[in-house]
Amino acid sequence: MRGKILIVTRSTGIGAAAARLAADRGARVVIATGDPESGWELARQAGAEVWVGDLTPPDSAGSVLAQCVSKFGRKVTGGIW
């Protein structure tokens, strides 16, 4: 996974496990979550970025992708949803 950029939705349960696994394997991870407390804690643990907001509106995906491009300078080619 080295060199990949992954977006993981949710900062608890399977989402948290996926973020940790991806980060451990060298991926750059953005955690998209509606829960700021667990999101920032997971980001700290995994060395990841975090996007906090409501994921239900259609334009939220664009906001998450914009953060990825801003931080990493390229578009995300895949993700864990």
Protein backbone atom coordinates (compact mmCIF):
# COMPACT_ATOMS: atom_id res chain seq x y z
CA MET A 1 0.00 0.00 0.00
CA ARG A 2 3.05 2.23 0.13
CA GLY A 3 2.48 5.40 -1.82
CA LYS A 4 -1.30 4.98 -2.01
CA ILE A 5 -3.77 7.49 -0.64
CA LEU A 6 -6.84 6.01 0.98
CA ILE A 7 -9.99 7.60 2.28
CA VAL A 8 -11.53 5.67 5.14
CA THR A 9 -15.02 6.56 6.28
CA ARG A 10 -15.75 6.19 9.98
CA SER A 11 -13.27 6.47 12.80
CA THR A 12 -14.44 3.52 14.86
CA GLY A 13 -14.85 -0.22 14.31
CA ILE A 14 -13.94 -1.53 10.87
CA GLY A 15 -13.08 1.97 9.63
CA ALA A 16 -10.55 2.43 12.44
CA ALA A 17 -9.05 -1.00 11.82
CA ALA A 18 -8.74 -0.28 8.08
CA ALA A 19 -7.09 3.10 8.75
CA ARG A 20 -4.53 1.56 11.10
CA LEU A 21 -3.76 -1.33 8.75
CA ALA A 22 -3.36 0.94 5.73
CA ALA A 23 -1.13 3.37 7.65
CA ASP A 24 0.97 0.49 9.02
CA ARG A 25 1.51 -0.68 5.44
CA GLY A 26 2.70 2.72 4.25
CA ALA A 27 -0.44 4.29 2.83
CA ARG A 28 -1.34 7.91 3.42
CA VAL A 29 -4.76 7.92 5.02
CA VAL A 30 -7.56 10.45 5.28
CA ILE A 31 -10.20 9.56 7.84
CA ALA A 32 -13.59 11.03 6.93
CA THR A 33 -15.86 11.01 9.95
CA GLY A 34 -18.73 12.75 11.63
CA ASP A 35 -17.20 12.08 15.07
CA PRO A 36 -14.44 14.61 15.79
CA GLU A 37 -13.31 13.04 19.06
CA SER A 38 -12.62 9.55 17.71
CA GLY A 39 -11.49 10.96 14.35
CA TRP A 40 -8.72 13.12 15.78
CA GLU A 41 -7.64 10.39 18.20
CA LEU A 42 -7.40 7.82 15.40
CA ALA A 43 -5.57 10.29 13.18
CA ARG A 44 -3.03 10.85 15.96
CA GLN A 45 -2.57 7.11 16.47
CA ALA A 46 -2.28 6.28 12.77
CA GLY A 47 -0.41 9.37 11.58
CA ALA A 48 -3.36 10.17 9.32
CA GLU A 49 -5.25 13.24 8.19
CA VAL A 50 -8.83 13.77 9.30
CA TRP A 51 -11.87 15.36 7.68
CA VAL A 52 -14.73 15.99 10.08
CA GLY A 53 -18.21 16.69 8.82
CA ASP A 54 -21.55 15.33 7.77
CA LEU A 55 -20.94 12.65 5.12
CA THR A 56 -24.56 12.40 3.99
CA PRO A 57 -24.82 15.44 1.65
CA PRO A 58 -23.72 14.71 -1.93
CA ASP A 59 -21.15 17.52 -1.89
CA SER A 60 -19.31 16.11 1.13
CA ALA A 61 -17.34 13.71 -1.11
CA GLY A 62 -16.01 16.68 -3.07
CA SER A 63 -14.90 18.33 0.15
CA VAL A 64 -13.03 15.20 1.27
CA LEU A 65 -11.35 14.88 -2.14
CA ALA A 66 -10.40 18.57 -2.10
CA GLN A 67 -8.62 18.02 1.23
CA CYS A 68 -6.74 15.06 -0.25
CA VAL A 69 -5.60 17.07 -3.27
CA SER A 70 -4.63 20.00 -1.04
CA LYS A 71 -2.61 17.80 1.33
CA PHE A 72 -1.13 15.26 -1.07
CA GLY A 73 -1.14 17.15 -4.36
CA ARG A 74 -2.91 14.55 -6.46
CA LYS A 75 -6.23 12.85 -6.84
CA VAL A 76 -7.11 9.75 -4.91
CA THR A 77 -7.27 6.68 -7.12
CA GLY A 78 -8.98 4.35 -4.68
CA GLY A 79 -10.42 4.20 -1.24
CA ILE A 80 -12.07 2.19 1.45
CA TRP A 81 -15.73 3.12 1.71
